[in-house]
Amino acid sequence: LPYKEVFSKDNGWITLRGDFFQNVNKAILTTKGQISSNQTFLDGTLNWTNYIFNSNLDWNKGSHLLLTGRFQDDKNYVACLFNDEKLRIEQYLKGKRIIIVEKQTFFKMPKNNAQFGISVNGNKVECLVDGNSVISAYNLDPALSHGGIGFKTWDQEINNSEIIIKMVNVEQI
């Protein structure tokens, strides 16, 4: 760290669900076919510990956007969930989802040219929108002391999730 991504070349983003492709300084994460979610992570970031991961993106489709931190695999990570109705911090341990904290969204969720972020520092997790902390918690499980970054989107409707990622910036805390 620091790490900056503007999608001018393939730097190792791995797609777990959906489609992820790069196209002239942006990446598109979208659903295709009979799925309702998509997920990608940056390979080679397993040993990262305390950092702020910020992104600039267009949220085109989907009811839920998640930025993942301390991503070890698809069963072990922490996520900031953003939605028009709620904000949530959830951790996944051995595939089990545990909601750490949840609250109602108290602002109009930005969709175009928006900045979303997650900060992980020790056992503290903070979710950021346009550089402002919107929800935080201090009880992240010690099993998630390290890991990388990623994106996930979801919608109840099949084939209705898409984000265009324009920039990723990660700074060590």
N, C-alpha and C. Protein backbone atom coordinates (compact mmCIF):
# COMPACT_ATOMS: atom_id res chain seq x y z
N LEU A 1 0.84 -1.18 0.00
CA LEU A 1 0.00 0.00 0.00
C LEU A 1 0.88 1.24 0.00
N PRO A 2 0.52 2.31 -0.59
CA PRO A 2 -0.78 2.61 -1.18
C PRO A 2 -0.99 1.88 -2.51
N TYR A 3 -2.26 1.77 -2.91
CA TYR A 3 -2.65 1.12 -4.15
C TYR A 3 -3.67 2.00 -4.87
N LYS A 4 -3.44 2.22 -6.15
CA LYS A 4 -4.39 3.01 -6.94
C LYS A 4 -4.68 2.23 -8.22
N GLU A 5 -5.94 2.20 -8.59
CA GLU A 5 -6.40 1.46 -9.77
C GLU A 5 -7.27 2.37 -10.60
N VAL A 6 -6.91 2.51 -11.88
CA VAL A 6 -7.74 3.27 -12.82
C VAL A 6 -8.13 2.39 -14.01
N PHE A 7 -7.87 1.10 -13.89
CA PHE A 7 -8.30 0.10 -14.87
C PHE A 7 -7.72 0.32 -16.26
N SER A 8 -6.45 0.71 -16.30
CA SER A 8 -5.78 0.84 -17.59
C SER A 8 -5.14 -0.48 -18.02
N LYS A 9 -5.03 -1.44 -17.09
CA LYS A 9 -4.50 -2.78 -17.40
C LYS A 9 -5.09 -3.76 -16.40
N ASP A 10 -4.94 -5.03 -16.67
CA ASP A 10 -5.45 -6.08 -15.78
C ASP A 10 -4.52 -6.23 -14.59
N ASN A 11 -5.03 -5.90 -13.39
CA ASN A 11 -4.23 -6.01 -12.18
C ASN A 11 -4.67 -7.15 -11.26
N GLY A 12 -5.47 -8.07 -11.75
CA GLY A 12 -5.77 -9.26 -10.98
C GLY A 12 -7.12 -9.30 -10.29
N TRP A 13 -8.11 -8.63 -10.83
CA TRP A 13 -9.46 -8.73 -10.27
C TRP A 13 -10.04 -10.09 -10.63
N ILE A 14 -10.53 -10.79 -9.62
CA ILE A 14 -11.08 -12.13 -9.79
C ILE A 14 -12.60 -12.06 -9.61
N THR A 15 -13.33 -12.61 -10.55
CA THR A 15 -14.79 -12.59 -10.50
C THR A 15 -15.29 -13.89 -9.87
N LEU A 16 -16.11 -13.76 -8.84
CA LEU A 16 -16.71 -14.92 -8.19
C LEU A 16 -18.10 -15.22 -8.76
N ARG A 17 -18.85 -14.17 -9.07
CA ARG A 17 -20.18 -14.30 -9.67
C ARG A 17 -20.37 -13.13 -10.62
N GLY A 18 -21.16 -13.36 -11.65
CA GLY A 18 -21.45 -12.29 -12.60
C GLY A 18 -20.32 -12.11 -13.59
N ASP A 19 -20.31 -10.97 -14.24
CA ASP A 19 -19.29 -10.64 -15.23
C ASP A 19 -18.54 -9.40 -14.78
N PHE A 20 -17.23 -9.41 -15.00
CA PHE A 20 -16.36 -8.28 -14.69
C PHE A 20 -15.46 -8.08 -15.89
N PHE A 21 -15.52 -6.90 -16.48
CA PHE A 21 -14.60 -6.63 -17.58
C PHE A 21 -14.17 -5.18 -17.56
N GLN A 22 -12.98 -4.95 -18.08
CA GLN A 22 -12.40 -3.62 -18.13
C GLN A 22 -12.57 -3.06 -19.53
N ASN A 23 -12.80 -1.74 -19.57
CA ASN A 23 -13.04 -1.10 -20.85
C ASN A 23 -12.64 0.38 -20.76
N VAL A 24 -11.46 0.72 -21.25
CA VAL A 24 -10.98 2.10 -21.33
C VAL A 24 -11.15 2.87 -20.01
N ASN A 25 -10.30 2.55 -19.05
CA ASN A 25 -10.23 3.24 -17.76
C ASN A 25 -11.47 3.11 -16.90
N LYS A 26 -12.15 1.99 -17.01
CA LYS A 26 -13.25 1.67 -16.10
C LYS A 26 -13.43 0.17 -16.10
N ALA A 27 -14.10 -0.30 -15.07
CA ALA A 27 -14.45 -1.72 -14.99
C ALA A 27 -15.95 -1.82 -14.79
N ILE A 28 -16.55 -2.81 -15.39
CA ILE A 28 -17.99 -3.01 -15.28
C ILE A 28 -18.22 -4.34 -14.59
N LEU A 29 -18.97 -4.29 -13.50
CA LEU A 29 -19.37 -5.49 -12.76
C LEU A 29 -20.87 -5.62 -12.94
N THR A 30 -21.32 -6.71 -13.58
CA THR A 30 -22.72 -6.83 -13.94
C THR A 30 -23.20 -8.27 -13.82
N THR A 31 -24.50 -8.43 -13.69
CA THR A 31 -25.09 -9.76 -13.71
C THR A 31 -25.47 -10.10 -15.14
N LYS A 32 -25.48 -11.38 -15.41
CA LYS A 32 -25.82 -11.87 -16.74
C LYS A 32 -26.45 -13.25 -16.56
N GLY A 33 -27.53 -13.49 -17.25
CA GLY A 33 -28.16 -14.80 -17.13
C GLY A 33 -29.10 -14.87 -15.95
N GLN A 34 -29.13 -15.99 -15.30
CA GLN A 34 -30.10 -16.26 -14.23
C GLN A 34 -29.53 -16.05 -12.84
N ILE A 35 -28.82 -14.94 -12.62
CA ILE A 35 -28.28 -14.65 -11.29
C ILE A 35 -28.73 -13.27 -10.84
N SER A 36 -28.72 -13.05 -9.53
CA SER A 36 -29.18 -11.78 -8.98
C SER A 36 -28.06 -11.00 -8.30
N SER A 37 -26.84 -11.56 -8.25
CA SER A 37 -25.73 -10.85 -7.61
C SER A 37 -24.45 -11.05 -8.40
N ASN A 38 -23.49 -10.21 -8.10
CA ASN A 38 -22.16 -10.36 -8.69
C ASN A 38 -21.14 -9.99 -7.64
N GLN A 39 -19.92 -10.50 -7.81
CA GLN A 39 -18.88 -10.22 -6.82
C GLN A 39 -17.51 -10.37 -7.44
N THR A 40 -16.62 -9.45 -7.09
CA THR A 40 -15.23 -9.51 -7.53
C THR A 40 -14.32 -9.07 -6.39
N PHE A 41 -13.08 -9.54 -6.41
CA PHE A 41 -12.09 -9.10 -5.43
C PHE A 41 -10.74 -8.95 -6.11
N LEU A 42 -9.87 -8.19 -5.48
CA LEU A 42 -8.53 -7.96 -6.01
C LEU A 42 -7.58 -9.01 -5.47
N ASP A 43 -7.07 -9.85 -6.35
CA ASP A 43 -6.14 -10.91 -5.97
C ASP A 43 -4.82 -10.30 -5.49
N GLY A 44 -4.16 -10.96 -4.55
CA GLY A 44 -2.86 -10.50 -4.06
C GLY A 44 -2.93 -9.54 -2.89
N THR A 45 -4.11 -9.39 -2.29
CA THR A 45 -4.29 -8.42 -1.21
C THR A 45 -4.57 -9.09 0.15
N LEU A 46 -4.38 -10.39 0.22
CA LEU A 46 -4.72 -11.16 1.43
C LEU A 46 -4.01 -10.65 2.68
N ASN A 47 -2.79 -10.17 2.55
CA ASN A 47 -2.02 -9.74 3.73
C ASN A 47 -2.26 -8.30 4.16
N TRP A 48 -3.11 -7.57 3.47
CA TRP A 48 -3.42 -6.20 3.87
C TRP A 48 -4.13 -6.22 5.22
N THR A 49 -3.85 -5.23 6.07
CA THR A 49 -4.47 -5.22 7.41
C THR A 49 -5.32 -3.98 7.63
N ASN A 50 -4.71 -2.84 7.92
CA ASN A 50 -5.44 -1.62 8.26
C ASN A 50 -5.37 -0.63 7.10
N TYR A 51 -6.54 -0.31 6.54
CA TYR A 51 -6.55 0.54 5.36
C TYR A 51 -7.91 1.20 5.15
N ILE A 52 -7.89 2.22 4.29
CA ILE A 52 -9.12 2.85 3.80
C ILE A 52 -9.20 2.56 2.31
N PHE A 53 -10.28 1.94 1.90
CA PHE A 53 -10.53 1.58 0.50
C PHE A 53 -11.65 2.49 0.00
N ASN A 54 -11.31 3.36 -0.94
CA ASN A 54 -12.28 4.27 -1.55
C ASN A 54 -12.44 3.95 -3.02
N SER A 55 -13.64 4.16 -3.52
CA SER A 55 -13.92 3.92 -4.93
C SER A 55 -14.78 5.05 -5.48
N ASN A 56 -14.66 5.27 -6.76
CA ASN A 56 -15.52 6.19 -7.48
C ASN A 56 -16.26 5.35 -8.52
N LEU A 57 -17.59 5.43 -8.51
CA LEU A 57 -18.34 4.55 -9.39
C LEU A 57 -19.70 5.12 -9.77
N ASP A 58 -20.29 4.51 -10.76
CA ASP A 58 -21.68 4.74 -11.13
C ASP A 58 -22.45 3.49 -10.76
N TRP A 59 -23.47 3.66 -9.96
CA TRP A 59 -24.32 2.55 -9.51
C TRP A 59 -25.54 2.55 -10.42
N ASN A 60 -25.48 1.77 -11.47
CA ASN A 60 -26.51 1.80 -12.51
C ASN A 60 -27.75 0.97 -12.20
N LYS A 61 -27.54 -0.23 -11.66
CA LYS A 61 -28.67 -1.12 -11.36
C LYS A 61 -28.36 -1.91 -10.09
N GLY A 62 -29.42 -2.34 -9.44
CA GLY A 62 -29.27 -3.15 -8.24
C GLY A 62 -29.69 -2.41 -7.00
N SER A 63 -30.29 -3.12 -6.08
CA SER A 63 -30.76 -2.48 -4.85
C SER A 63 -29.70 -2.40 -3.76
N HIS A 64 -28.68 -3.25 -3.82
CA HIS A 64 -27.66 -3.31 -2.78
C HIS A 64 -26.26 -3.22 -3.39
N LEU A 65 -25.44 -2.37 -2.80
CA LEU A 65 -24.02 -2.27 -3.15
C LEU A 65 -23.24 -2.60 -1.89
N LEU A 66 -22.25 -3.47 -2.01
CA LEU A 66 -21.39 -3.82 -0.89
C LEU A 66 -19.94 -3.59 -1.28
N LEU A 67 -19.19 -2.92 -0.42
CA LEU A 67 -17.74 -2.86 -0.53
C LEU A 67 -17.20 -3.83 0.51
N THR A 68 -16.31 -4.70 0.09
CA THR A 68 -15.78 -5.70 1.00
C THR A 68 -14.36 -5.32 1.42
N GLY A 69 -14.08 -5.60 2.66
CA GLY A 69 -12.76 -5.39 3.22
C GLY A 69 -12.31 -6.65 3.93
N ARG A 70 -11.02 -6.74 4.18
CA ARG A 70 -10.44 -7.90 4.85
C ARG A 70 -10.92 -9.20 4.19
N PHE A 71 -11.03 -9.15 2.87
CA PHE A 71 -11.52 -10.29 2.09
C PHE A 71 -10.45 -11.38 2.06
N GLN A 72 -10.80 -12.55 2.65
CA GLN A 72 -9.90 -13.70 2.64
C GLN A 72 -10.34 -14.73 1.60
N ASP A 73 -11.64 -14.92 1.52
CA ASP A 73 -12.27 -15.75 0.49
C ASP A 73 -13.76 -15.44 0.54
N ASP A 74 -14.55 -16.10 -0.30
CA ASP A 74 -15.97 -15.74 -0.38
C ASP A 74 -16.78 -16.13 0.85
N LYS A 75 -16.13 -16.72 1.85
CA LYS A 75 -16.81 -17.09 3.09
C LYS A 75 -16.31 -16.30 4.30
N ASN A 76 -15.27 -15.48 4.12
CA ASN A 76 -14.64 -14.76 5.23
C ASN A 76 -14.25 -13.34 4.81
N TYR A 77 -15.05 -12.35 5.24
CA TYR A 77 -14.78 -10.96 4.95
C TYR A 77 -15.75 -10.07 5.72
N VAL A 78 -15.50 -8.76 5.69
CA VAL A 78 -16.42 -7.78 6.26
C VAL A 78 -16.94 -6.95 5.09
N ALA A 79 -18.16 -6.44 5.23
CA ALA A 79 -18.75 -5.65 4.14
C ALA A 79 -19.53 -4.47 4.68
N CYS A 80 -19.43 -3.37 3.94
CA CYS A 80 -20.32 -2.23 4.12
C CYS A 80 -21.43 -2.37 3.08
N LEU A 81 -22.66 -2.44 3.56
CA LEU A 81 -23.80 -2.57 2.67
C LEU A 81 -24.48 -1.21 2.56
N PHE A 82 -24.69 -0.78 1.33
CA PHE A 82 -25.35 0.48 1.04
C PHE A 82 -26.64 0.18 0.29
N ASN A 83 -27.72 0.86 0.70
CA ASN A 83 -29.04 0.64 0.13
C ASN A 83 -29.83 1.93 0.34
N ASP A 84 -30.82 2.17 -0.50
CA ASP A 84 -31.62 3.39 -0.34
C ASP A 84 -32.33 3.45 1.01
N GLU A 85 -32.63 2.31 1.62
CA GLU A 85 -33.36 2.27 2.89
C GLU A 85 -32.48 2.03 4.12
N LYS A 86 -31.35 1.30 3.94
CA LYS A 86 -30.54 0.95 5.11
C LYS A 86 -29.06 0.93 4.81
N LEU A 87 -28.31 1.07 5.89
CA LEU A 87 -26.86 0.94 5.89
C LEU A 87 -26.53 -0.18 6.87
N ARG A 88 -25.54 -0.98 6.51
CA ARG A 88 -25.25 -2.11 7.40
C ARG A 88 -23.78 -2.49 7.30
N ILE A 89 -23.23 -2.92 8.43
CA ILE A 89 -21.92 -3.56 8.46
C ILE A 89 -22.17 -5.01 8.82
N GLU A 90 -21.68 -5.89 7.97
CA GLU A 90 -21.85 -7.32 8.22
C GLU A 90 -20.52 -8.03 8.00
N GLN A 91 -20.32 -9.07 8.80
CA GLN A 91 -19.13 -9.88 8.62
C GLN A 91 -19.55 -11.29 8.26
N TYR A 92 -18.73 -11.91 7.44
CA TYR A 92 -18.96 -13.30 7.03
C TYR A 92 -17.82 -14.12 7.60
N LEU A 93 -18.18 -15.10 8.42
CA LEU A 93 -17.21 -16.01 9.03
C LEU A 93 -17.62 -17.43 8.70
N LYS A 94 -16.74 -18.13 7.98
CA LYS A 94 -17.02 -19.49 7.54
C LYS A 94 -18.37 -19.57 6.82
N GLY A 95 -18.67 -18.54 6.07
CA GLY A 95 -19.89 -18.50 5.27
C GLY A 95 -21.13 -18.03 6.00
N LYS A 96 -21.03 -17.82 7.31
CA LYS A 96 -22.18 -17.36 8.09
C LYS A 96 -22.18 -15.84 8.17
N ARG A 97 -23.30 -15.21 7.76
CA ARG A 97 -23.42 -13.76 7.82
C ARG A 97 -23.84 -13.33 9.21
N ILE A 98 -23.10 -12.36 9.77
CA ILE A 98 -23.40 -11.79 11.07
C ILE A 98 -23.54 -10.29 10.88
N ILE A 99 -24.72 -9.75 11.19
CA ILE A 99 -24.93 -8.31 11.09
C ILE A 99 -24.36 -7.66 12.35
N ILE A 100 -23.38 -6.80 12.17
CA ILE A 100 -22.75 -6.12 13.30
C ILE A 100 -23.58 -4.92 13.73
N VAL A 101 -23.98 -4.10 12.76
CA VAL A 101 -24.80 -2.92 13.05
C VAL A 101 -25.59 -2.57 11.79
N GLU A 102 -26.79 -2.01 12.01
CA GLU A 102 -27.64 -1.60 10.90
C GLU A 102 -28.41 -0.37 11.31
N LYS A 103 -28.62 0.53 10.34
CA LYS A 103 -29.45 1.70 10.62
C LYS A 103 -30.09 2.17 9.32
N GLN A 104 -31.11 2.99 9.48
CA GLN A 104 -31.81 3.55 8.32
C GLN A 104 -30.90 4.53 7.59
N THR A 105 -31.00 4.56 6.27
CA THR A 105 -30.28 5.55 5.49
C THR A 105 -30.90 6.92 5.76
N PHE A 106 -30.07 7.89 6.05
CA PHE A 106 -30.55 9.21 6.46
C PHE A 106 -30.22 10.29 5.43
N PHE A 107 -29.94 9.89 4.20
CA PHE A 107 -29.60 10.82 3.13
C PHE A 107 -30.01 10.18 1.81
N LYS A 108 -30.02 10.98 0.76
CA LYS A 108 -30.30 10.45 -0.57
C LYS A 108 -29.04 9.76 -1.08
N MET A 109 -29.16 8.48 -1.35
CA MET A 109 -28.01 7.69 -1.77
C MET A 109 -27.55 8.14 -3.16
N PRO A 110 -26.28 8.52 -3.29
CA PRO A 110 -25.78 8.93 -4.60
C PRO A 110 -25.65 7.72 -5.53
N LYS A 111 -25.84 7.93 -6.81
CA LYS A 111 -25.75 6.83 -7.77
C LYS A 111 -24.73 7.09 -8.87
N ASN A 112 -24.60 8.34 -9.31
CA ASN A 112 -23.69 8.66 -10.41
C ASN A 112 -22.46 9.41 -9.91
N ASN A 113 -21.31 8.95 -10.37
CA ASN A 113 -20.04 9.55 -9.98
C ASN A 113 -19.93 9.67 -8.46
N ALA A 114 -20.31 8.61 -7.78
CA ALA A 114 -20.37 8.58 -6.31
C ALA A 114 -19.10 7.97 -5.73
N GLN A 115 -18.80 8.34 -4.51
CA GLN A 115 -17.66 7.78 -3.80
C GLN A 115 -18.16 6.94 -2.64
N PHE A 116 -17.78 5.68 -2.65
CA PHE A 116 -18.10 4.75 -1.57
C PHE A 116 -16.80 4.19 -1.03
N GLY A 117 -16.77 3.97 0.30
CA GLY A 117 -15.55 3.47 0.90
C GLY A 117 -15.81 2.61 2.12
N ILE A 118 -14.76 1.88 2.50
CA ILE A 118 -14.75 1.11 3.74
C ILE A 118 -13.38 1.30 4.38
N SER A 119 -13.39 1.52 5.68
CA SER A 119 -12.16 1.67 6.45
C SER A 119 -12.12 0.55 7.49
N VAL A 120 -10.99 -0.14 7.56
CA VAL A 120 -10.80 -1.18 8.57
C VAL A 120 -9.50 -0.87 9.31
N ASN A 121 -9.62 -0.78 10.63
CA ASN A 121 -8.47 -0.44 11.47
C ASN A 121 -8.62 -1.18 12.79
N GLY A 122 -7.82 -2.22 12.99
CA GLY A 122 -8.00 -3.07 14.17
C GLY A 122 -9.36 -3.72 14.09
N ASN A 123 -10.18 -3.54 15.13
CA ASN A 123 -11.53 -4.13 15.12
C ASN A 123 -12.60 -3.11 14.72
N LYS A 124 -12.17 -1.93 14.25
CA LYS A 124 -13.11 -0.89 13.85
C LYS A 124 -13.37 -0.94 12.34
N VAL A 125 -14.64 -0.81 11.98
CA VAL A 125 -15.06 -0.75 10.59
C VAL A 125 -15.90 0.50 10.40
N GLU A 126 -15.63 1.23 9.33
CA GLU A 126 -16.39 2.44 9.01
C GLU A 126 -16.80 2.38 7.55
N CYS A 127 -18.02 2.79 7.26
CA CYS A 127 -18.51 2.87 5.89
C CYS A 127 -18.60 4.35 5.51
N LEU A 128 -18.15 4.65 4.29
CA LEU A 128 -18.04 6.03 3.85
C LEU A 128 -18.85 6.27 2.57
N VAL A 129 -19.51 7.42 2.52
CA VAL A 129 -20.19 7.87 1.31
C VAL A 129 -19.73 9.31 1.06
N ASP A 130 -19.19 9.53 -0.11
CA ASP A 130 -18.64 10.84 -0.49
C ASP A 130 -17.68 11.37 0.58
N GLY A 131 -16.87 10.49 1.14
CA GLY A 131 -15.85 10.85 2.12
C GLY A 131 -16.33 11.00 3.54
N ASN A 132 -17.64 10.84 3.77
CA ASN A 132 -18.20 10.99 5.11
C ASN A 132 -18.55 9.63 5.72
N SER A 133 -18.23 9.47 6.99
CA SER A 133 -18.59 8.25 7.71
C SER A 133 -20.11 8.22 7.92
N VAL A 134 -20.76 7.12 7.50
CA VAL A 134 -22.21 7.02 7.63
C VAL A 134 -22.64 5.94 8.63
N ILE A 135 -21.74 5.02 8.96
CA ILE A 135 -22.01 3.99 9.96
C ILE A 135 -20.67 3.39 10.37
N SER A 136 -20.55 3.00 11.64
CA SER A 136 -19.30 2.40 12.11
C SER A 136 -19.58 1.41 13.24
N ALA A 137 -18.60 0.56 13.50
CA ALA A 137 -18.69 -0.42 14.57
C ALA A 137 -17.28 -0.76 15.05
N TYR A 138 -17.20 -1.22 16.29
CA TYR A 138 -15.90 -1.53 16.90
C TYR A 138 -15.76 -2.98 17.31
N ASN A 139 -16.52 -3.87 16.71
CA ASN A 139 -16.46 -5.26 17.16
C ASN A 139 -16.26 -6.26 16.02
N LEU A 140 -15.36 -5.95 15.09
CA LEU A 140 -15.02 -6.89 14.03
C LEU A 140 -14.30 -8.09 14.64
N ASP A 141 -14.66 -9.27 14.21
CA ASP A 141 -14.07 -10.50 14.75
C ASP A 141 -12.56 -10.55 14.46
N PRO A 142 -11.73 -10.97 15.44
CA PRO A 142 -10.28 -11.05 15.24
C PRO A 142 -9.87 -11.99 14.09
N ALA A 143 -10.72 -12.93 13.71
CA ALA A 143 -10.41 -13.81 12.58
C ALA A 143 -10.28 -13.02 11.28
N LEU A 144 -10.87 -11.82 11.26
CA LEU A 144 -10.80 -10.96 10.08
C LEU A 144 -9.78 -9.84 10.31
N SER A 145 -8.58 -10.20 10.74
CA SER A 145 -7.54 -9.22 11.03
C SER A 145 -6.77 -8.80 9.78
N HIS A 146 -6.99 -9.50 8.67
CA HIS A 146 -6.30 -9.18 7.42
C HIS A 146 -7.17 -9.62 6.25
N GLY A 147 -6.84 -9.10 5.09
CA GLY A 147 -7.55 -9.49 3.87
C GLY A 147 -7.71 -8.30 2.95
N GLY A 148 -8.13 -8.59 1.74
CA GLY A 148 -8.16 -7.59 0.68
C GLY A 148 -9.50 -6.91 0.46
N ILE A 149 -9.68 -6.42 -0.76
CA ILE A 149 -10.81 -5.57 -1.10
C ILE A 149 -11.64 -6.17 -2.22
N GLY A 150 -12.90 -5.71 -2.32
CA GLY A 150 -13.73 -6.17 -3.41
C GLY A 150 -15.06 -5.44 -3.47
N PHE A 151 -15.86 -5.84 -4.45
CA PHE A 151 -17.19 -5.27 -4.67
C PHE A 151 -18.20 -6.40 -4.82
N LYS A 152 -19.43 -6.09 -4.41
CA LYS A 152 -20.53 -7.02 -4.59
C LYS A 152 -21.79 -6.19 -4.79
N THR A 153 -22.67 -6.62 -5.69
CA THR A 153 -23.98 -5.99 -5.83
C THR A 153 -25.03 -7.08 -5.83
N TRP A 154 -26.25 -6.66 -5.51
CA TRP A 154 -27.34 -7.62 -5.42
C TRP A 154 -28.66 -6.92 -5.69
N ASP A 155 -29.58 -7.66 -6.24
CA ASP A 155 -30.95 -7.20 -6.41
C ASP A 155 -31.86 -8.41 -6.38
N GLN A 156 -33.07 -8.24 -5.87
CA GLN A 156 -34.02 -9.34 -5.80
C GLN A 156 -34.39 -9.82 -7.21
N GLU A 157 -34.39 -8.88 -8.15
CA GLU A 157 -34.72 -9.21 -9.53
C GLU A 157 -33.50 -9.83 -10.23
N ILE A 158 -33.72 -10.89 -10.97
CA ILE A 158 -32.65 -11.55 -11.72
C ILE A 158 -32.08 -10.59 -12.77
N ASN A 159 -30.76 -10.64 -12.94
CA ASN A 159 -30.07 -9.87 -13.98
C ASN A 159 -30.35 -8.37 -13.89
N ASN A 160 -30.28 -7.83 -12.65
CA ASN A 160 -30.56 -6.40 -12.46
C ASN A 160 -29.54 -5.73 -11.54
N SER A 161 -28.26 -6.07 -11.70
CA SER A 161 -27.20 -5.44 -10.91
C SER A 161 -26.06 -5.02 -11.82
N GLU A 162 -25.62 -3.75 -11.66
CA GLU A 162 -24.49 -3.28 -12.46
C GLU A 162 -23.88 -2.04 -11.83
N ILE A 163 -22.56 -2.05 -11.71
CA ILE A 163 -21.82 -0.86 -11.33
C ILE A 163 -20.69 -0.66 -12.34
N ILE A 164 -20.35 0.60 -12.55
CA ILE A 164 -19.19 0.94 -13.37
C ILE A 164 -18.18 1.58 -12.43
N ILE A 165 -17.06 0.91 -12.25
CA ILE A 165 -16.03 1.37 -11.31
C ILE A 165 -15.01 2.17 -12.09
N LYS A 166 -14.81 3.41 -11.68
CA LYS A 166 -13.91 4.31 -12.39
C LYS A 166 -12.54 4.42 -11.72
N MET A 167 -12.50 4.23 -10.40
CA MET A 167 -11.25 4.40 -9.68
C MET A 167 -11.34 3.67 -8.35
N VAL A 168 -10.21 3.12 -7.94
CA VAL A 168 -10.05 2.50 -6.63
C VAL A 168 -8.78 3.08 -6.02
N ASN A 169 -8.87 3.47 -4.76
CA ASN A 169 -7.71 4.00 -4.05
C ASN A 169 -7.68 3.39 -2.66
N VAL A 170 -6.54 2.82 -2.28
CA VAL A 170 -6.39 2.20 -0.95
C VAL A 170 -5.17 2.81 -0.28
N GLU A 171 -5.38 3.33 0.92
CA GLU A 171 -4.30 3.94 1.71
C GLU A 171 -4.17 3.18 3.02
N GLN A 172 -2.94 2.94 3.41
CA GLN A 172 -2.68 2.29 4.70
C GLN A 172 -2.99 3.25 5.83
N ILE A 173 -3.55 2.71 6.91
CA ILE A 173 -3.81 3.52 8.11
C ILE A 173 -2.65 3.32 9.08
